[in-house]
Structures are given as C-alpha cells and as structure tokens.
Amino acid sequence: MAKRTIERRVAALERASGGGVGCPECGGPDDPSDHTTYELVFVEEAEEEWCETCGRQTGIVIRWPEDLSE
C-alpha cells in the first residue's frame, strides 16, 4: 500500500513542476511501461531513431537472421 502513496506523491510533484505529461518533441510518455501503440513498417534500409529531447527510442529496427549475414 505504501508504494501507491509514493506513486501518487511523485505524480503530484511531476504535475506541479510541469512534468509527467510527455516529451514536447516526440510526444512520448514519461512512463516507459505505458501501453503505446506502434506502427510496423517494412523497408529495405532503416536506422534506429532517438528523440533528441528526451532520449526515448522512436524508431526500432528488427532485422531477420538472413539480413545479418549480408
């Protein structure tokens, strides 16, 4: 039960300081366990992308084993 009290206090402090609403650049959540939906896009060439403001990874590249040998 104490954990919920701490979480509420931290959330109140974040709201009071203007935090806890997400990144102004990428709009990503402050909570990494937030259930955000993602878009899956198939492309030949891709690179991982990171938000320059909050450091959140905004582009994840998944490579298949046959692509790694090239």
N, C-alpha and C. Protein backbone atom coordinates (compact mmCIF):
# COMPACT_ATOMS: atom_id res chain seq x y z
N MET A 1 0.82 -1.19 0.00
CA MET A 1 0.00 0.00 0.00
C MET A 1 0.87 1.26 0.00
N ALA A 2 2.04 1.20 0.61
CA ALA A 2 2.92 2.37 0.66
C ALA A 2 3.39 2.78 -0.73
N LYS A 3 3.55 1.80 -1.61
CA LYS A 3 4.01 2.11 -2.96
C LYS A 3 3.02 3.02 -3.68
N ARG A 4 1.74 2.77 -3.52
CA ARG A 4 0.73 3.60 -4.17
C ARG A 4 0.81 5.02 -3.64
N THR A 5 1.06 5.17 -2.37
CA THR A 5 1.19 6.51 -1.79
C THR A 5 2.38 7.24 -2.39
N ILE A 6 3.49 6.55 -2.53
CA ILE A 6 4.69 7.15 -3.12
C ILE A 6 4.43 7.51 -4.58
N GLU A 7 3.79 6.61 -5.33
CA GLU A 7 3.47 6.89 -6.73
C GLU A 7 2.57 8.11 -6.87
N ARG A 8 1.59 8.24 -5.99
CA ARG A 8 0.70 9.41 -6.03
C ARG A 8 1.47 10.68 -5.72
N ARG A 9 2.37 10.61 -4.77
CA ARG A 9 3.17 11.80 -4.41
C ARG A 9 4.08 12.22 -5.55
N VAL A 10 4.73 11.23 -6.18
CA VAL A 10 5.61 11.54 -7.31
C VAL A 10 4.80 12.12 -8.46
N ALA A 11 3.64 11.54 -8.74
CA ALA A 11 2.79 12.05 -9.81
C ALA A 11 2.35 13.48 -9.52
N ALA A 12 2.03 13.79 -8.26
CA ALA A 12 1.63 15.15 -7.89
C ALA A 12 2.79 16.12 -8.06
N LEU A 13 4.00 15.70 -7.71
CA LEU A 13 5.18 16.56 -7.89
C LEU A 13 5.46 16.80 -9.37
N GLU A 14 5.32 15.76 -10.19
CA GLU A 14 5.53 15.92 -11.63
C GLU A 14 4.53 16.89 -12.22
N ARG A 15 3.26 16.77 -11.84
CA ARG A 15 2.24 17.69 -12.35
C ARG A 15 2.52 19.12 -11.91
N ALA A 16 2.95 19.29 -10.68
CA ALA A 16 3.22 20.63 -10.15
C ALA A 16 4.40 21.28 -10.85
N SER A 17 5.37 20.47 -11.28
CA SER A 17 6.56 21.03 -11.92
C SER A 17 6.43 21.07 -13.43
N GLY A 18 5.29 20.66 -13.96
CA GLY A 18 5.09 20.67 -15.40
C GLY A 18 5.54 19.40 -16.08
N GLY A 19 6.03 18.45 -15.32
CA GLY A 19 6.46 17.17 -15.88
C GLY A 19 5.34 16.17 -15.87
N GLY A 20 5.64 14.97 -16.30
CA GLY A 20 4.67 13.90 -16.28
C GLY A 20 3.66 13.94 -17.41
N VAL A 21 3.86 14.80 -18.39
CA VAL A 21 2.90 14.90 -19.49
C VAL A 21 3.45 14.36 -20.80
N GLY A 22 4.70 14.04 -20.84
CA GLY A 22 5.29 13.52 -22.07
C GLY A 22 6.27 14.52 -22.67
N CYS A 23 6.99 14.06 -23.65
CA CYS A 23 8.01 14.87 -24.30
C CYS A 23 7.36 15.88 -25.27
N PRO A 24 7.81 17.14 -25.23
CA PRO A 24 7.25 18.12 -26.15
C PRO A 24 7.64 17.89 -27.61
N GLU A 25 8.75 17.17 -27.85
CA GLU A 25 9.19 16.93 -29.23
C GLU A 25 8.53 15.71 -29.85
N CYS A 26 8.65 14.55 -29.18
CA CYS A 26 8.13 13.32 -29.77
C CYS A 26 6.76 12.93 -29.23
N GLY A 27 6.35 13.56 -28.13
CA GLY A 27 5.05 13.25 -27.54
C GLY A 27 5.03 11.95 -26.79
N GLY A 28 6.21 11.36 -26.61
CA GLY A 28 6.30 10.08 -25.91
C GLY A 28 5.95 10.22 -24.44
N PRO A 29 5.46 9.15 -23.85
CA PRO A 29 5.07 9.17 -22.45
C PRO A 29 6.29 9.18 -21.54
N ASP A 30 6.12 9.76 -20.35
CA ASP A 30 7.18 9.70 -19.35
C ASP A 30 7.29 8.30 -18.77
N ASP A 31 6.19 7.57 -18.76
CA ASP A 31 6.15 6.23 -18.19
C ASP A 31 6.51 5.21 -19.26
N PRO A 32 7.69 4.55 -19.15
CA PRO A 32 8.08 3.60 -20.19
C PRO A 32 7.19 2.37 -20.25
N SER A 33 6.41 2.10 -19.21
CA SER A 33 5.52 0.94 -19.24
C SER A 33 4.14 1.31 -19.78
N ASP A 34 4.00 2.53 -20.28
CA ASP A 34 2.74 2.97 -20.87
C ASP A 34 2.43 2.11 -22.08
N HIS A 35 1.19 1.72 -22.25
CA HIS A 35 0.80 0.85 -23.36
C HIS A 35 0.52 1.69 -24.60
N THR A 36 1.59 2.04 -25.29
CA THR A 36 1.50 2.84 -26.50
C THR A 36 1.38 1.91 -27.71
N THR A 37 0.60 2.32 -28.70
CA THR A 37 0.51 1.52 -29.92
C THR A 37 1.66 1.90 -30.85
N TYR A 38 2.05 0.96 -31.69
CA TYR A 38 3.17 1.16 -32.60
C TYR A 38 2.74 0.87 -34.02
N GLU A 39 3.48 1.42 -34.95
CA GLU A 39 3.24 1.18 -36.36
C GLU A 39 4.38 0.33 -36.90
N LEU A 40 4.05 -0.73 -37.60
CA LEU A 40 5.04 -1.62 -38.18
C LEU A 40 5.18 -1.30 -39.66
N VAL A 41 6.41 -0.95 -40.07
CA VAL A 41 6.67 -0.56 -41.45
C VAL A 41 7.81 -1.41 -41.98
N PHE A 42 7.61 -2.01 -43.15
CA PHE A 42 8.66 -2.80 -43.78
C PHE A 42 9.39 -1.95 -44.81
N VAL A 43 10.70 -1.78 -44.61
CA VAL A 43 11.53 -1.03 -45.54
C VAL A 43 12.85 -1.78 -45.72
N GLU A 44 13.52 -1.53 -46.83
CA GLU A 44 14.80 -2.18 -47.09
C GLU A 44 15.92 -1.62 -46.21
N GLU A 45 16.00 -0.31 -46.12
CA GLU A 45 17.05 0.34 -45.34
C GLU A 45 16.40 1.12 -44.21
N ALA A 46 16.87 0.89 -42.99
CA ALA A 46 16.31 1.60 -41.84
C ALA A 46 17.39 1.76 -40.77
N GLU A 47 17.23 2.79 -39.97
CA GLU A 47 18.14 3.05 -38.86
C GLU A 47 17.31 3.31 -37.61
N GLU A 48 17.88 2.96 -36.46
CA GLU A 48 17.20 3.26 -35.21
C GLU A 48 17.16 4.77 -35.03
N GLU A 49 16.08 5.26 -34.43
CA GLU A 49 15.92 6.69 -34.21
C GLU A 49 15.69 6.96 -32.73
N TRP A 50 16.21 8.10 -32.27
CA TRP A 50 16.09 8.50 -30.88
C TRP A 50 15.63 9.96 -30.82
N CYS A 51 14.79 10.27 -29.85
CA CYS A 51 14.35 11.65 -29.65
C CYS A 51 15.51 12.44 -29.04
N GLU A 52 15.83 13.56 -29.63
CA GLU A 52 16.94 14.37 -29.14
C GLU A 52 16.62 15.08 -27.83
N THR A 53 15.34 15.23 -27.52
CA THR A 53 14.96 15.94 -26.30
C THR A 53 14.95 15.02 -25.08
N CYS A 54 14.25 13.88 -25.18
CA CYS A 54 14.09 13.02 -24.00
C CYS A 54 14.92 11.75 -24.05
N GLY A 55 15.48 11.43 -25.22
CA GLY A 55 16.30 10.23 -25.35
C GLY A 55 15.50 8.96 -25.58
N ARG A 56 14.19 9.08 -25.74
CA ARG A 56 13.33 7.93 -25.97
C ARG A 56 13.57 7.37 -27.37
N GLN A 57 13.61 6.06 -27.49
CA GLN A 57 13.80 5.45 -28.80
C GLN A 57 12.49 5.54 -29.56
N THR A 58 12.53 6.18 -30.73
CA THR A 58 11.32 6.39 -31.53
C THR A 58 11.28 5.52 -32.77
N GLY A 59 12.39 4.92 -33.14
CA GLY A 59 12.43 4.03 -34.30
C GLY A 59 13.22 2.78 -33.94
N ILE A 60 12.57 1.64 -33.97
CA ILE A 60 13.22 0.37 -33.64
C ILE A 60 13.35 -0.44 -34.91
N VAL A 61 14.53 -0.97 -35.15
CA VAL A 61 14.78 -1.76 -36.36
C VAL A 61 14.88 -3.23 -35.96
N ILE A 62 14.09 -4.06 -36.62
CA ILE A 62 14.14 -5.50 -36.41
C ILE A 62 14.75 -6.12 -37.65
N ARG A 63 15.81 -6.86 -37.45
CA ARG A 63 16.49 -7.49 -38.59
C ARG A 63 16.29 -9.00 -38.51
N TRP A 64 16.10 -9.61 -39.67
CA TRP A 64 15.96 -11.06 -39.75
C TRP A 64 17.34 -11.68 -39.87
N PRO A 65 17.51 -12.92 -39.44
CA PRO A 65 18.84 -13.56 -39.48
C PRO A 65 19.50 -13.52 -40.87
N GLU A 66 18.73 -13.68 -41.92
CA GLU A 66 19.32 -13.66 -43.27
C GLU A 66 19.84 -12.29 -43.66
N ASP A 67 19.31 -11.23 -43.05
CA ASP A 67 19.78 -9.87 -43.33
C ASP A 67 21.09 -9.58 -42.61
N LEU A 68 21.37 -10.28 -41.54
CA LEU A 68 22.59 -10.03 -40.77
C LEU A 68 23.83 -10.57 -41.46
N SER A 69 23.69 -11.57 -42.30
CA SER A 69 24.84 -12.18 -42.96
C SER A 69 25.34 -11.38 -44.15
N GLU A 70 24.56 -10.39 -44.59
CA GLU A 70 24.96 -9.62 -45.77
C GLU A 70 25.95 -8.54 -45.43
